[in-house]
Structure formats: C-alpha cells, structure tokens
Amino acid sequence: MTPRNDLAALTSGRNFWSTEQQDGLPAITLTDGPHGVRMQASDSDMFSGRPATCFPPATATASTWDPDLLRRMGEALATEARSMDVSVLLGPGINIKRSPLGGRNFEYFSEDPLLTGTLAAAYVQGVQSRGVGTSLKHFAVNSQETDRMRVSAEVDERTLREIYLRAFQRVVEQAQPWTVMCSYNRINGVHASRNRWLLTDVLRGEWGFEGAVVSDWGAVVDRVDSIAAGLDLTMPGPDAAGDQRVAEAAESGALDPGALETAAARVRALVERAQDASGSVDVDHDAHHALAREIASRAIVLLKNDGLLPLAPGSGSIAVLGEIARTPRATRAAVVRRSPRPGWTTRCRRSPLPRRARWRSRPGTTPTTRRPRRPTPTTDC
C-alpha cells in the first residue's frame, strides 16, 4: 500500500464497530448508546448483547433538570464501557424535538436548546472524566426518522443557529466531546456528511471543536466530498473500494492531500487518546441499578394530585397500559437490544406497589400511519 492508501484506510472503519488497525496503531471500539452500553455478544449476531445497565433515556432524564445527576449517569456509563473495552460511547443525542411523532424523541432531551445543552454537557463531562469518549449526535437537524436518508430540512440561518444548533454549540464549547456524529439528512439541500459550512466553518471555525467528526452508520454519500468537507471517519467499514477512491483523488489533486492527512491525523489522535485511558475496571452493577432507579424516580413529573397519591394499602387494582408494560424492552430501536440484568422486570413491577395491590397490564393499541412516498422530501423547520 502507498502512504496515501494507508491514510485513506484510517478514515474508514475496520468493521461495523471498530476503527482500522495499522502498524503501531491499535483499533478501538465505538458502540451505542446514549442510555446503556450496547456491546454485541458476537460479531455475527447484531441482536445479542452483553449485560449492561439500562438507564432511563434522555426524554426522562431531561425531566429531572439536574446536571449533577446526568454527570453521575455518565460516569457509570463510562465505567461499564471500559469494562467491555469500549472507547467511544455513541451519545448523547441532542436534536431538538419538533413533533410528538419523532421516531427518536425518547433519546433526545427536549424542545428547548438551553435545557438540552446544559444536561448534555454534564453527561459528556461525566463520561469523559472516566476516560471514555462521547459522540455528540446527530449533527444536525435530525428531526424525523421518516425518509431520514433523503429528507432535506429547510431551515433559515437564524432559526438554525438559535434553535437547532444552539445545544451543539453549548456542549462543544463547555465539554469538548471526543467526537461529533453527522446526521443522515440534508440541510438546505446538502447532506450533513458533506456540508463544509456545518462541519468545518461552524463546528471548528466558530466553536473551536478539537475532536474527530464521525459519520452516522451509512450516512456518507461520497467519501471524497465528505473528507473535503471536514468529516474524518466513515462508519461502518470495511470500505476498500472507497479507500482506493479517496487515495486516487488525493493523488490526482481532486482531493486536497492536506485534507486527507488532517482527517487521518484526527482519527489517529482519537485512537491514541483512547489508549491513554485504557485499562480494566470493576463494575458495581447493583450500585448502577440503584442509580438508574433514582434517575427514573426523579424523572417522574406529577402535574396534579387530587388526593390519589400516595397509594394507600388496599387500593385495589392498578392498570398499566401498553405492550411495553407486558413485554419490557431495553431498547433504542428495532436493531438495538441490551440485556438487562436478571430479575429487573419483577423488581420494577412489584417494589412501588402498596400492600395487597394487584398489578395488571393491557397491551393497548399500536397506531400506524401511512405516508405517500415523495421523490424529493423536504421538511420546513
């Protein structure tokens, strides 16, 4: 391989979750997610996971309004990540909620950029204080899951800066996450993965971001354009054909060789930073489970109490509606399944109930929505 081939290989993954390994430079592992470490139990089974604490998601933790609690959660997540040799935790997700139908609302904090940015900065500081990196995502305007690979979010600059970018700016300036993850969607017609204004002019030039920019998994449309725009690491890998195109573009001058060298240097710096903080740690799972319960209890918001609470002994039956009550899922999406510790379902069901109360669940309904396909989807923000 030529030196430029080596550099190009560093800018793509070795496999689904790891960076490239080269002479003198080991691979590191990046994995989900914002509220629990999702480490696959085997390379061949994406649905298997090693046991990990499932913390309440961002939509719940935001209701605590407590940065210190988020910092403690980040520290616990980092401890579990290090116990599994995970170097970068892919979170937090801090996009702004703009519709109750948003498919990732549960893993985003709020519709308010100040609350989002303040809590996310504490989360990042907590994780990184224990030697594990974070990946601030999804940069930017990932406000819907429908057509997310093609949609263009049409946003004027003032709205973009005051609402959709403000939380990212706060976290970058206050906590300096090791990585920032670009989103799938386009912004005003340009994919985030090759948006130089977003990834270089604003993120680095205005906010002073010092880490590496990582793609969301499969978000890169053109690797040459992406490196020129300021993206450093394309995930997942391997992508030998893409590596070759990048190297040839740098050789021919279609890509500034300096841009490739810079991207590879940032990936190398990320790996070296992770290695400086590597080492086995012990995990107190009981303490982490207690912390998860504490966060969940602090996240409960009671808007009005007409004497119903606290529940008295002999209150009768208590109904919990929804399929999740009957079949709990420790999950971020259909392809994400963490393995909760044994017995957590029974404890969570029984412990809050008053004496002689009965617990019953009903599946409720699952609404479905059909949308017509559009050749060029856009969303106005």
Protein backbone atom coordinates (compact mmCIF):
# COMPACT_ATOMS: atom_id res chain seq x y z
CA MET A 1 0.00 0.00 0.00
CA THR A 2 1.11 3.57 -0.68
CA PRO A 3 1.24 6.12 2.14
CA ARG A 4 -1.95 7.68 0.79
CA ASN A 5 -3.69 4.29 0.82
CA ASP A 6 -2.71 3.92 4.46
CA LEU A 7 -4.08 7.36 5.25
CA ALA A 8 -7.32 6.66 3.39
CA ALA A 9 -7.77 3.35 5.24
CA LEU A 10 -7.58 5.19 8.56
CA THR A 11 -10.60 7.29 7.57
CA SER A 12 -12.95 4.29 7.38
CA GLY A 13 -13.82 1.55 9.84
CA ARG A 14 -12.25 -1.89 10.06
CA ASN A 15 -15.66 -3.47 10.68
CA PHE A 16 -19.08 -2.47 11.95
CA TRP A 17 -17.91 -1.12 15.32
CA SER A 18 -14.12 -0.67 15.16
CA THR A 19 -11.56 1.64 13.61
CA GLU A 20 -8.78 0.45 11.32
CA GLN A 21 -5.72 -1.19 12.80
CA GLN A 22 -2.31 -0.33 11.37
CA ASP A 23 1.31 -0.84 12.38
CA GLY A 24 1.73 0.65 15.83
CA LEU A 25 -1.89 1.85 15.98
CA PRO A 26 -4.49 -0.46 17.53
CA ALA A 27 -8.18 -0.49 16.71
CA ILE A 28 -10.72 0.98 19.12
CA THR A 29 -14.40 0.17 19.55
CA LEU A 30 -17.26 2.64 19.23
CA THR A 31 -20.74 1.47 20.22
CA ASP A 32 -24.22 2.61 21.20
CA GLY A 33 -25.68 4.21 23.07
CA PRO A 34 -26.90 7.18 25.00
CA HIS A 35 -28.50 5.35 27.93
CA GLY A 36 -26.77 1.98 28.05
CA VAL A 37 -23.72 0.25 26.61
CA ARG A 38 -24.79 -1.96 23.71
CA MET A 39 -21.91 -4.32 23.19
CA GLN A 40 -22.68 -7.20 20.84
CA ALA A 41 -22.06 -10.60 22.37
CA SER A 42 -20.90 -11.94 18.99
CA ASP A 43 -19.85 -10.41 15.68
CA SER A 44 -22.40 -12.47 13.77
CA ASP A 45 -25.47 -11.66 15.87
CA MET A 46 -26.44 -7.98 15.94
CA PHE A 47 -29.38 -8.70 18.25
CA SER A 48 -27.31 -10.18 21.05
CA GLY A 49 -25.84 -8.02 23.76
CA ARG A 50 -23.67 -8.31 26.83
CA PRO A 51 -25.48 -7.49 30.09
CA ALA A 52 -25.47 -3.77 30.86
CA THR A 53 -27.46 -1.31 32.92
CA CYS A 54 -30.36 0.25 31.03
CA PHE A 55 -30.58 3.81 32.29
CA PRO A 56 -33.64 6.00 31.69
CA PRO A 57 -33.50 7.66 28.25
CA ALA A 58 -32.96 11.36 27.63
CA THR A 59 -36.65 12.18 27.46
CA ALA A 60 -36.87 11.07 31.12
CA THR A 61 -33.55 12.46 32.37
CA ALA A 62 -34.46 15.88 30.96
CA SER A 63 -37.40 15.96 33.36
CA THR A 64 -35.00 15.88 36.32
CA TRP A 65 -33.48 19.26 35.41
CA ASP A 66 -30.38 18.04 37.26
CA PRO A 67 -26.95 18.28 35.57
CA ASP A 68 -25.25 16.54 38.51
CA LEU A 69 -27.50 13.52 38.06
CA LEU A 70 -26.58 13.38 34.36
CA ARG A 71 -22.91 13.63 35.26
CA ARG A 72 -23.23 10.67 37.64
CA MET A 73 -25.03 8.68 34.96
CA GLY A 74 -22.23 9.49 32.51
CA GLU A 75 -19.61 8.27 34.97
CA ALA A 76 -21.48 4.98 35.43
CA LEU A 77 -21.86 4.51 31.67
CA ALA A 78 -18.14 5.10 31.19
CA THR A 79 -17.27 2.52 33.83
CA GLU A 80 -19.38 -0.11 32.09
CA ALA A 81 -17.96 0.89 28.70
CA ARG A 82 -14.39 0.47 29.91
CA SER A 83 -15.25 -2.93 31.39
CA MET A 84 -16.17 -4.01 27.83
CA ASP A 85 -13.17 -2.32 26.15
CA VAL A 86 -15.39 0.31 24.54
CA SER A 87 -13.53 3.53 23.84
CA VAL A 88 -16.30 5.78 22.49
CA LEU A 89 -19.94 5.76 23.54
CA LEU A 90 -22.20 6.93 20.71
CA GLY A 91 -24.20 9.59 22.52
CA PRO A 92 -25.73 11.79 23.73
CA GLY A 93 -28.38 12.55 21.14
CA ILE A 94 -29.36 16.19 21.40
CA ASN A 95 -31.56 17.02 18.45
CA ILE A 96 -34.49 19.30 19.15
CA LYS A 97 -37.93 17.72 19.34
CA ARG A 98 -40.24 19.42 16.88
CA SER A 99 -43.08 16.87 16.62
CA PRO A 100 -44.54 14.26 19.01
CA LEU A 101 -44.26 11.79 16.10
CA GLY A 102 -40.45 11.98 16.01
CA GLY A 103 -39.10 8.43 15.97
CA ARG A 104 -36.19 9.23 18.27
CA ASN A 105 -37.89 11.60 20.68
CA PHE A 106 -37.25 9.21 23.54
CA GLU A 107 -33.47 9.50 23.18
CA TYR A 108 -33.44 13.29 22.73
CA PHE A 109 -33.72 15.60 25.71
CA SER A 110 -36.11 18.42 24.96
CA GLU A 111 -37.59 21.01 22.63
CA ASP A 112 -35.53 23.59 24.50
CA PRO A 113 -31.89 24.11 23.42
CA LEU A 114 -30.79 25.55 26.79
CA LEU A 115 -32.03 22.58 28.83
CA THR A 116 -30.73 20.15 26.21
CA GLY A 117 -27.28 21.72 26.04
CA THR A 118 -26.85 22.06 29.79
CA LEU A 119 -27.77 18.45 30.57
CA ALA A 120 -25.86 17.03 27.60
CA ALA A 121 -22.71 18.91 28.60
CA ALA A 122 -22.90 17.36 32.07
CA TYR A 123 -23.41 13.91 30.54
CA VAL A 124 -20.36 14.34 28.28
CA GLN A 125 -18.23 15.60 31.17
CA GLY A 126 -19.26 12.60 33.26
CA VAL A 127 -18.45 10.02 30.60
CA GLN A 128 -15.17 11.58 29.55
CA SER A 129 -13.98 12.10 33.12
CA ARG A 130 -13.59 8.30 33.26
CA GLY A 131 -11.51 8.04 30.08
CA VAL A 132 -14.25 7.14 27.58
CA GLY A 133 -15.14 9.37 24.65
CA THR A 134 -18.58 10.51 23.57
CA SER A 135 -20.13 11.18 20.17
CA LEU A 136 -22.44 14.18 20.14
CA LYS A 137 -25.22 13.44 17.67
CA HIS A 138 -26.94 13.78 15.24
CA PHE A 139 -25.36 16.88 13.72
CA ALA A 140 -27.67 18.40 12.64
CA VAL A 141 -31.46 18.85 12.32
CA ASN A 142 -32.21 15.12 12.54
CA SER A 143 -35.79 15.92 13.49
CA GLN A 144 -37.57 12.95 11.89
CA GLU A 145 -36.95 9.31 11.09
CA THR A 146 -39.28 9.15 8.08
CA ASP A 147 -37.16 9.43 4.92
CA ARG A 148 -34.20 10.38 7.10
CA MET A 149 -31.71 9.19 4.46
CA ARG A 150 -33.17 11.53 1.82
CA VAL A 151 -35.07 14.32 3.51
CA SER A 152 -33.83 17.90 3.34
CA ALA A 153 -34.54 20.06 6.37
CA GLU A 154 -35.17 23.56 5.04
CA VAL A 155 -34.12 25.98 7.78
CA ASP A 156 -33.22 29.65 7.61
CA GLU A 157 -29.93 30.54 9.27
CA ARG A 158 -31.36 32.43 12.24
CA THR A 159 -33.67 29.53 13.18
CA LEU A 160 -30.86 27.06 12.62
CA ARG A 161 -28.49 28.90 14.94
CA GLU A 162 -30.99 29.87 17.65
CA ILE A 163 -32.78 26.53 17.94
CA TYR A 164 -31.23 23.58 16.10
CA LEU A 165 -27.50 24.29 16.56
CA ARG A 166 -27.52 26.07 19.91
CA ALA A 167 -27.35 22.93 22.08
CA PHE A 168 -24.50 21.51 19.97
CA GLN A 169 -22.62 24.79 20.40
CA ARG A 170 -23.05 24.73 24.19
CA VAL A 171 -21.80 21.15 24.54
CA VAL A 172 -18.82 21.66 22.23
CA GLU A 173 -17.72 24.85 23.98
CA GLN A 174 -18.29 23.58 27.53
CA ALA A 175 -17.37 19.89 27.32
CA GLN A 176 -15.37 19.24 24.11
CA PRO A 177 -16.74 15.77 23.19
CA TRP A 178 -14.13 13.49 21.64
CA THR A 179 -16.28 13.10 18.52
CA VAL A 180 -19.30 14.64 16.81
CA MET A 181 -21.51 12.43 14.65
CA CYS A 182 -23.04 13.85 11.49
CA SER A 183 -26.64 13.01 10.61
CA TYR A 184 -28.16 11.28 7.58
CA ASN A 185 -30.34 14.09 6.33
CA ARG A 186 -29.66 17.05 4.10
CA ILE A 187 -29.74 20.60 5.41
CA ASN A 188 -30.99 23.08 2.87
CA GLY A 189 -30.24 20.54 0.15
CA VAL A 190 -26.72 19.49 1.24
CA HIS A 191 -26.08 16.21 3.07
CA ALA A 192 -24.71 16.77 6.56
CA SER A 193 -21.89 14.34 5.75
CA ARG A 194 -20.53 16.67 3.06
CA ASN A 195 -21.61 20.03 4.40
CA ARG A 196 -18.43 22.06 4.79
CA TRP A 197 -20.24 25.04 6.28
CA LEU A 198 -21.57 22.80 9.04
CA LEU A 199 -18.59 20.50 9.71
CA THR A 200 -15.75 22.98 9.26
CA ASP A 201 -16.83 26.61 9.20
CA VAL A 202 -19.24 26.44 12.15
CA LEU A 203 -18.14 23.40 14.16
CA ARG A 204 -14.39 24.02 14.06
CA GLY A 205 -14.01 27.60 12.90
CA GLU A 206 -16.64 29.24 15.13
CA TRP A 207 -16.98 26.83 18.07
CA GLY A 208 -13.42 25.55 18.31
CA PHE A 209 -14.18 21.81 18.14
CA GLU A 210 -10.95 19.84 18.56
CA GLY A 211 -12.04 16.22 18.08
CA ALA A 212 -12.98 13.97 15.17
CA VAL A 213 -16.14 14.09 13.07
CA VAL A 214 -17.67 10.63 12.61
CA SER A 215 -20.45 9.69 10.23
CA ASP A 216 -23.65 8.09 11.33
CA TRP A 217 -23.60 4.49 10.18
CA GLY A 218 -24.14 4.57 6.42
CA ALA A 219 -24.62 8.35 6.20
CA VAL A 220 -21.77 9.08 3.80
CA VAL A 221 -22.83 9.60 0.18
CA ASP A 222 -19.41 10.43 -1.26
CA ARG A 223 -16.25 9.88 0.79
CA VAL A 224 -14.11 12.26 -1.22
CA ASP A 225 -16.64 15.08 -0.77
CA SER A 226 -17.02 14.23 2.91
CA ILE A 227 -13.29 14.41 3.68
CA ALA A 228 -13.09 17.71 1.80
CA ALA A 229 -15.98 19.00 3.92
CA GLY A 230 -14.33 18.03 7.22
CA LEU A 231 -15.57 14.52 8.01
CA ASP A 232 -12.80 12.34 9.43
CA LEU A 233 -14.14 8.81 9.97
CA THR A 234 -16.68 6.99 7.81
CA MET A 235 -18.55 4.20 9.58
CA PRO A 236 -19.08 1.35 9.30
CA GLY A 237 -16.29 -0.47 7.49
CA PRO A 238 -14.55 -2.02 5.76
CA ASP A 239 -14.68 0.05 2.58
CA ALA A 240 -11.65 -0.93 0.49
CA ALA A 241 -13.15 0.48 -2.70
CA GLY A 242 -13.87 3.78 -1.00
CA ASP A 243 -10.37 3.87 0.45
CA GLN A 244 -8.97 3.43 -3.06
CA ARG A 245 -11.12 6.25 -4.47
CA VAL A 246 -10.00 8.58 -1.69
CA ALA A 247 -6.33 7.74 -2.24
CA GLU A 248 -6.65 8.21 -6.02
CA ALA A 249 -8.45 11.54 -5.54
CA ALA A 250 -5.66 12.77 -3.27
CA GLU A 251 -3.07 11.57 -5.80
CA SER A 252 -4.76 13.31 -8.75
CA GLY A 253 -5.48 16.52 -6.89
CA ALA A 254 -9.26 16.09 -6.95
CA LEU A 255 -8.96 15.99 -3.16
CA ASP A 256 -6.53 18.23 -1.34
CA PRO A 257 -3.91 15.82 0.07
CA GLY A 258 -3.75 18.02 3.15
CA ALA A 259 -7.44 17.33 3.88
CA LEU A 260 -6.78 13.57 3.83
CA GLU A 261 -3.72 13.95 6.05
CA THR A 262 -5.73 16.04 8.52
CA ALA A 263 -8.61 13.55 8.67
CA ALA A 264 -6.24 10.62 9.23
CA ALA A 265 -4.36 12.58 11.90
CA ARG A 266 -7.60 13.26 13.77
CA VAL A 267 -8.54 9.58 13.74
CA ARG A 268 -5.05 8.68 14.95
CA ALA A 269 -5.32 11.26 17.75
CA LEU A 270 -8.69 9.79 18.78
CA VAL A 271 -7.22 6.28 18.99
CA GLU A 272 -4.18 7.46 20.93
CA ARG A 273 -6.36 9.39 23.34
CA ALA A 274 -8.46 6.30 23.97
CA GLN A 275 -5.36 4.18 24.55
CA ASP A 276 -4.06 6.65 27.14
CA ALA A 277 -7.16 5.94 29.23
CA SER A 278 -7.47 2.19 28.60
CA GLY A 279 -7.45 -0.37 31.38
CA SER A 280 -9.78 -2.83 33.05
CA VAL A 281 -12.21 -1.65 35.71
CA ASP A 282 -14.64 -3.29 38.10
CA VAL A 283 -18.35 -2.55 37.77
CA ASP A 284 -20.75 -2.34 40.71
CA HIS A 285 -23.91 -3.38 38.89
CA ASP A 286 -26.07 -3.10 41.99
CA ALA A 287 -24.98 0.50 42.50
CA HIS A 288 -25.69 1.29 38.84
CA HIS A 289 -29.12 -0.32 39.06
CA ALA A 290 -29.84 1.81 42.13
CA LEU A 291 -28.72 4.91 40.24
CA ALA A 292 -30.99 4.03 37.31
CA ARG A 293 -33.93 3.71 39.71
CA GLU A 294 -33.02 7.01 41.36
CA ILE A 295 -32.95 8.77 38.00
CA ALA A 296 -36.26 7.19 36.99
CA SER A 297 -37.93 8.28 40.21
CA ARG A 298 -36.56 11.82 39.86
CA ALA A 299 -37.87 11.94 36.30
CA ILE A 300 -41.50 11.39 37.28
CA VAL A 301 -43.46 14.63 36.97
CA LEU A 302 -46.79 14.91 38.80
CA LEU A 303 -48.83 17.71 37.28
CA LYS A 304 -51.81 17.43 39.63
CA ASN A 305 -52.71 15.35 42.66
CA ASP A 306 -56.33 15.25 43.83
CA GLY A 307 -55.57 13.03 46.79
CA LEU A 308 -54.89 9.90 44.76
CA LEU A 309 -51.24 9.70 45.75
CA PRO A 310 -49.62 8.25 47.71
CA LEU A 311 -51.47 5.00 47.14
CA ALA A 312 -52.98 3.56 50.28
CA PRO A 313 -52.99 -0.12 51.28
CA GLY A 314 -55.91 -1.92 49.69
CA SER A 315 -56.12 0.47 46.77
CA GLY A 316 -57.35 -2.30 44.52
CA SER A 317 -56.12 -2.96 41.01
CA ILE A 318 -53.55 -0.80 39.26
CA ALA A 319 -53.68 -0.78 35.46
CA VAL A 320 -50.58 -0.15 33.37
CA LEU A 321 -51.44 0.27 29.69
CA GLY A 322 -49.20 -0.53 26.76
CA GLU A 323 -47.42 -3.55 25.34
CA ILE A 324 -44.14 -2.41 26.92
CA ALA A 325 -45.67 -3.00 30.36
CA ARG A 326 -46.30 -6.64 29.48
CA THR A 327 -43.13 -7.22 27.45
CA PRO A 328 -40.47 -4.75 28.62
CA ARG A 329 -37.77 -3.90 26.08
CA ALA A 330 -34.42 -2.41 26.94
CA THR A 331 -34.00 -0.92 23.50
CA ARG A 332 -33.19 2.11 21.39
CA ALA A 333 -34.62 0.85 18.12
CA ALA A 334 -35.62 -2.36 16.37
CA VAL A 335 -31.98 -3.35 15.90
CA VAL A 336 -30.87 -2.48 19.42
CA ARG A 337 -31.44 -4.82 22.32
CA ARG A 338 -29.49 -4.61 25.54
CA SER A 339 -29.57 -7.49 28.00
CA PRO A 340 -30.99 -6.32 31.33
CA ARG A 341 -29.80 -7.94 34.50
CA PRO A 342 -31.89 -10.91 35.71
CA GLY A 343 -34.93 -10.07 37.79
CA TRP A 344 -35.17 -6.39 36.90
CA THR A 345 -38.69 -6.75 35.45
CA THR A 346 -40.07 -8.35 38.61
CA ARG A 347 -38.42 -5.79 40.89
CA CYS A 348 -39.63 -2.84 38.85
CA ARG A 349 -43.19 -4.15 38.84
CA ARG A 350 -43.51 -5.06 42.48
CA SER A 351 -41.43 -2.65 44.51
CA PRO A 352 -43.53 0.54 44.14
CA LEU A 353 -46.89 -1.09 44.91
CA PRO A 354 -48.69 -0.75 48.24
CA ARG A 355 -49.59 -3.81 50.24
CA ARG A 356 -52.34 -6.00 48.75
CA ALA A 357 -52.44 -4.01 45.49
CA ARG A 358 -52.65 -6.03 42.29
CA TRP A 359 -50.62 -5.28 39.15
CA ARG A 360 -52.31 -5.80 35.79
CA SER A 361 -51.33 -4.79 32.27
CA ARG A 362 -53.16 -4.45 28.98
CA PRO A 363 -51.44 -4.14 25.62
CA GLY A 364 -53.40 -1.09 24.43
CA THR A 365 -53.14 -0.22 20.75
CA THR A 366 -50.34 0.45 18.32
CA PRO A 367 -51.26 3.26 15.89
CA THR A 368 -49.83 3.12 12.40
CA THR A 369 -49.50 5.92 9.91
CA ARG A 370 -49.10 5.70 6.17
CA ARG A 371 -47.37 8.47 4.26
CA PRO A 372 -47.15 8.73 0.48
CA ARG A 373 -43.63 8.49 -0.92
CA ARG A 374 -42.26 11.74 -2.28
CA PRO A 375 -39.46 11.92 -4.80
CA THR A 376 -37.72 14.85 -3.06
CA PRO A 377 -38.85 15.05 0.55
CA THR A 378 -38.33 18.26 2.50
CA THR A 379 -39.36 19.48 5.89
CA ASP A 380 -39.69 23.12 6.86
CA CYS A 381 -38.35 23.95 10.30
